[in-house]
Amino acid sequence: MIRVVIADDQALVRGGLAMILSAAPDLDVVGVAEDGAQAVRLATERTPDVMLMDVRMPVMDGLEATRRILATPGLSSKVVMLTTFDADEYVYEALTAGASGFLLKETRPEALADAVRTVVGGEALIAPSVLRRLVDQHTIGTAVAAERLSELTGREAEVLRLVGRGANNAEIARELWITEPTVKTHVTRIFRKLDLRDRAQAVVLAYESGLVTPGRTAQVQDADTSP
């Protein structure tokens, strides 16, 4: 069972999300929170696999709650940010805070359970419209980020570029004419060398370093084998 905690300041939203996820046979909603401080406490107490976290909440917002949860030693929960806003600054802040996904609240109910499974499987999960804007408008290309890539081999850099464009393991294998197990090995080494938590952080680094350039629109893919 995949354990989930839901954090949202609107009771109707919390109840709706809990009802949708509880209907899935492999998902277990183990707690709900109405603000970021409660979310942090529940994350520690219930140790969920996934936190569904609203961005705007009282007491403590979702971004700060995400930072605190992901900085807690021994806690391996992944965070998916939920919001009605697709403003670029929220996407970038959420991903740099360590979130593994970013979904708009208008996401279809049937896609919500799949979203939870996707992040548990190790994929970055971002609504296509949001990711398109991030890629096209927010490639930063900092020298510090680019310098980090010097630790990678040429093949690893190529794999990271494709990860940044939203490709899954099967697509990377086809693009580079290698096997999926080889892709997985490369991704694991990239994570270790660059101290990355998951693919969402790899996507952010690909943007920051300029490895993914504006105009190369990424797509959201179904989950594949982690990492």
Protein backbone atom coordinates (compact mmCIF):
# COMPACT_ATOMS: atom_id res chain seq x y z
CA MET A 1 0.00 0.00 0.00
CA ILE A 2 1.12 3.53 -0.82
CA ARG A 3 0.60 5.77 2.22
CA VAL A 4 -0.66 9.31 1.50
CA VAL A 5 -1.18 12.45 3.58
CA ILE A 6 -3.29 15.30 2.17
CA ALA A 7 -2.67 18.94 3.17
CA ASP A 8 -5.15 21.62 2.06
CA ASP A 9 -6.86 24.43 3.91
CA GLN A 10 -10.24 23.78 2.26
CA ALA A 11 -12.27 21.02 3.91
CA LEU A 12 -14.15 20.25 0.69
CA VAL A 13 -10.91 19.78 -1.22
CA ARG A 14 -9.40 17.60 1.52
CA GLY A 15 -12.49 15.43 1.62
CA GLY A 16 -12.70 15.13 -2.14
CA LEU A 17 -9.08 14.15 -2.54
CA ALA A 18 -9.32 11.64 0.29
CA MET A 19 -12.41 10.06 -1.25
CA ILE A 20 -10.80 9.76 -4.69
CA LEU A 21 -7.55 8.27 -3.40
CA SER A 22 -9.18 5.94 -0.88
CA ALA A 23 -11.12 4.33 -3.73
CA ALA A 24 -7.84 3.04 -5.21
CA PRO A 25 -6.98 -0.45 -3.91
CA ASP A 26 -3.26 0.33 -3.56
CA LEU A 27 -3.54 3.73 -1.85
CA ASP A 28 -4.13 4.44 1.84
CA VAL A 29 -4.89 7.99 3.07
CA VAL A 30 -3.28 7.99 6.52
CA GLY A 31 -3.91 11.62 7.46
CA VAL A 32 -5.22 15.05 6.43
CA ALA A 33 -3.93 18.50 7.43
CA GLU A 34 -5.45 21.96 7.09
CA ASP A 35 -2.21 23.95 7.20
CA GLY A 36 1.50 23.53 6.61
CA ALA A 37 2.40 23.12 10.28
CA GLN A 38 -0.02 20.21 10.64
CA ALA A 39 1.38 18.73 7.43
CA VAL A 40 4.91 18.74 8.87
CA ARG A 41 3.71 17.10 12.08
CA LEU A 42 1.73 14.42 10.22
CA ALA A 43 4.66 13.70 7.94
CA THR A 44 6.77 12.91 10.98
CA GLU A 45 4.08 10.93 12.79
CA ARG A 46 2.64 8.95 9.85
CA THR A 47 5.74 8.71 7.58
CA PRO A 48 3.71 8.69 4.34
CA ASP A 49 5.16 7.73 0.98
CA VAL A 50 3.56 10.78 -0.65
CA MET A 51 2.35 14.16 0.61
CA LEU A 52 -0.25 16.01 -1.48
CA MET A 53 0.52 19.59 -0.50
CA ASP A 54 -1.45 22.74 -1.26
CA VAL A 55 0.78 25.74 -2.04
CA ARG A 56 -1.26 28.41 -0.25
CA MET A 57 -2.21 27.54 3.34
CA PRO A 58 -2.41 29.46 6.63
CA VAL A 59 0.10 29.22 9.51
CA MET A 60 2.75 27.79 7.16
CA ASP A 61 2.50 27.63 3.37
CA GLY A 62 3.11 24.49 1.35
CA LEU A 63 6.53 25.55 0.10
CA GLU A 64 7.94 26.01 3.60
CA ALA A 65 6.27 22.81 4.79
CA THR A 66 7.86 20.97 1.87
CA ARG A 67 11.31 22.31 2.73
CA ARG A 68 10.95 21.21 6.36
CA ILE A 69 9.61 17.76 5.52
CA LEU A 70 12.34 17.01 3.00
CA ALA A 71 15.00 18.26 5.42
CA THR A 72 13.83 15.90 8.20
CA PRO A 73 16.43 13.16 8.77
CA GLY A 74 15.14 9.66 8.11
CA LEU A 75 11.96 10.88 6.38
CA SER A 76 11.70 9.76 2.75
CA SER A 77 8.27 11.16 1.86
CA LYS A 78 7.85 12.58 -1.63
CA VAL A 79 5.81 15.75 -2.09
CA VAL A 80 3.37 16.61 -4.87
CA MET A 81 2.31 20.27 -4.84
CA LEU A 82 -1.36 21.06 -5.57
CA THR A 83 -2.54 24.51 -6.60
CA THR A 84 -5.13 26.34 -8.63
CA PHE A 85 -2.37 28.63 -9.88
CA ASP A 86 0.08 27.78 -12.66
CA ALA A 87 2.30 30.82 -12.04
CA ASP A 88 5.91 30.10 -12.97
CA GLU A 89 7.39 31.20 -9.65
CA TYR A 90 5.41 28.55 -7.78
CA VAL A 91 6.62 25.81 -10.11
CA TYR A 92 10.26 26.80 -9.78
CA GLU A 93 10.07 27.36 -6.02
CA ALA A 94 8.30 24.04 -5.50
CA LEU A 95 10.84 22.07 -7.51
CA THR A 96 13.84 23.77 -5.94
CA ALA A 97 12.28 23.10 -2.53
CA GLY A 98 12.50 19.42 -3.43
CA ALA A 99 8.96 18.62 -4.57
CA SER A 100 8.68 15.59 -6.84
CA GLY A 101 5.60 16.85 -8.64
CA PHE A 102 3.35 19.78 -9.35
CA LEU A 103 -0.31 19.39 -10.32
CA LEU A 104 -3.16 21.82 -10.85
CA LYS A 105 -6.27 21.13 -8.77
CA GLU A 106 -8.25 20.88 -11.98
CA THR A 107 -6.49 17.56 -12.72
CA ARG A 108 -9.04 14.88 -13.60
CA PRO A 109 -9.96 12.67 -10.60
CA GLU A 110 -8.98 9.50 -12.44
CA ALA A 111 -5.50 10.92 -13.04
CA LEU A 112 -4.85 11.72 -9.39
CA ALA A 113 -4.11 8.16 -8.25
CA ASP A 114 -1.83 7.68 -11.25
CA ALA A 115 0.00 10.87 -10.24
CA VAL A 116 0.72 9.44 -6.79
CA ARG A 117 1.97 6.19 -8.31
CA THR A 118 4.15 8.13 -10.75
CA VAL A 119 6.14 9.96 -8.08
CA VAL A 120 6.50 6.78 -6.03
CA GLY A 121 7.96 5.21 -9.18
CA GLY A 122 10.65 7.89 -9.29
CA GLU A 123 9.32 10.13 -12.06
CA ALA A 124 9.04 13.90 -12.01
CA LEU A 125 5.38 14.86 -12.38
CA ILE A 126 4.41 18.29 -13.68
CA ALA A 127 1.23 19.34 -15.46
CA PRO A 128 2.09 19.73 -19.18
CA SER A 129 0.94 23.37 -19.40
CA VAL A 130 3.04 24.29 -16.37
CA LEU A 131 6.15 22.43 -17.55
CA ARG A 132 5.89 24.05 -20.99
CA ARG A 133 6.06 27.52 -19.46
CA LEU A 134 8.91 26.53 -17.17
CA VAL A 135 10.99 25.19 -20.05
CA ASP A 136 10.26 28.06 -22.42
CA GLN A 137 10.64 30.94 -19.97
CA HIS A 138 12.77 29.86 -17.02
CA THR A 139 15.94 28.24 -18.31
CA ILE A 140 18.54 30.00 -16.19
CA GLY A 141 21.92 28.71 -17.33
CA THR A 142 23.97 29.56 -14.26
CA ALA A 143 27.71 28.97 -14.19
CA VAL A 144 27.48 27.13 -10.87
CA ALA A 145 24.90 24.68 -12.22
CA ALA A 146 26.91 24.15 -15.40
CA GLU A 147 30.06 23.48 -13.37
CA ARG A 148 28.28 20.67 -11.50
CA LEU A 149 27.81 18.85 -14.80
CA SER A 150 31.59 18.59 -15.24
CA GLU A 151 31.44 15.53 -12.99
CA LEU A 152 29.43 13.65 -15.60
CA THR A 153 30.69 11.60 -18.53
CA GLY A 154 29.51 12.59 -21.98
CA ARG A 155 26.94 9.79 -22.01
CA GLU A 156 25.65 10.73 -18.56
CA ALA A 157 25.22 14.35 -19.66
CA GLU A 158 23.24 13.17 -22.67
CA VAL A 159 21.00 11.05 -20.42
CA LEU A 160 20.48 14.02 -18.08
CA ARG A 161 19.51 16.21 -21.03
CA LEU A 162 16.83 13.72 -22.04
CA VAL A 163 15.60 13.40 -18.46
CA GLY A 164 15.32 17.19 -18.41
CA ARG A 165 13.17 17.07 -21.53
CA GLY A 166 10.77 14.68 -19.80
CA ALA A 167 11.83 11.40 -21.42
CA ASN A 168 11.31 8.17 -19.51
CA ASN A 169 13.77 5.27 -19.45
CA ALA A 170 12.28 3.52 -22.48
CA GLU A 171 12.39 6.68 -24.58
CA ILE A 172 15.97 7.44 -23.54
CA ALA A 173 16.97 3.89 -24.48
CA ARG A 174 15.45 4.28 -27.96
CA GLU A 175 17.00 7.71 -28.46
CA LEU A 176 20.51 6.60 -27.49
CA TRP A 177 20.33 3.03 -28.84
CA ILE A 178 21.05 1.45 -25.47
CA THR A 179 19.10 -0.88 -23.17
CA GLU A 180 16.73 0.26 -20.43
CA PRO A 181 18.88 -1.34 -17.69
CA THR A 182 21.83 0.68 -19.02
CA VAL A 183 19.73 3.85 -18.85
CA LYS A 184 18.78 3.05 -15.27
CA THR A 185 22.45 2.57 -14.38
CA HIS A 186 23.33 5.95 -15.93
CA VAL A 187 20.49 7.69 -14.07
CA THR A 188 21.55 6.14 -10.76
CA ARG A 189 25.12 7.34 -11.29
CA ILE A 190 23.90 10.83 -12.22
CA PHE A 191 21.85 11.02 -9.02
CA ARG A 192 24.83 9.89 -6.94
CA LYS A 193 27.39 12.20 -8.57
CA LEU A 194 25.17 15.28 -8.41
CA ASP A 195 23.53 14.44 -5.07
CA LEU A 196 20.03 14.51 -6.56
CA ARG A 197 16.98 13.22 -4.70
CA ASP A 198 14.90 12.28 -7.76
CA ARG A 199 14.08 13.18 -11.36
CA ALA A 200 12.36 16.42 -10.40
CA GLN A 201 15.65 17.75 -9.03
CA ALA A 202 17.39 16.47 -12.16
CA VAL A 203 14.93 18.45 -14.27
CA VAL A 204 15.64 21.63 -12.28
CA LEU A 205 19.40 21.19 -12.70
CA ALA A 206 19.00 20.57 -16.43
CA TYR A 207 17.14 23.89 -16.69
CA GLU A 208 19.56 25.83 -14.49
CA SER A 209 22.64 24.58 -16.33
CA GLY A 210 21.22 25.35 -19.76
CA LEU A 211 21.36 21.68 -20.73
CA VAL A 212 17.69 21.99 -21.67
CA THR A 213 17.19 25.07 -23.82
CA PRO A 214 14.09 27.25 -24.31
CA GLY A 215 11.75 26.05 -27.01
CA ARG A 216 12.37 22.34 -26.37
CA THR A 217 9.05 21.58 -24.78
CA ALA A 218 9.13 18.67 -22.37
CA GLN A 219 6.29 16.21 -21.97
CA VAL A 220 4.98 14.44 -18.90
CA GLN A 221 5.46 10.70 -19.17
CA ASP A 222 3.94 7.70 -17.44
CA ALA A 223 5.98 6.29 -14.59
CA ASP A 224 8.64 3.71 -15.34
CA THR A 225 11.05 1.82 -13.15
CA SER A 226 12.78 4.00 -10.55
CA PRO A 227 15.05 5.86 -10.66
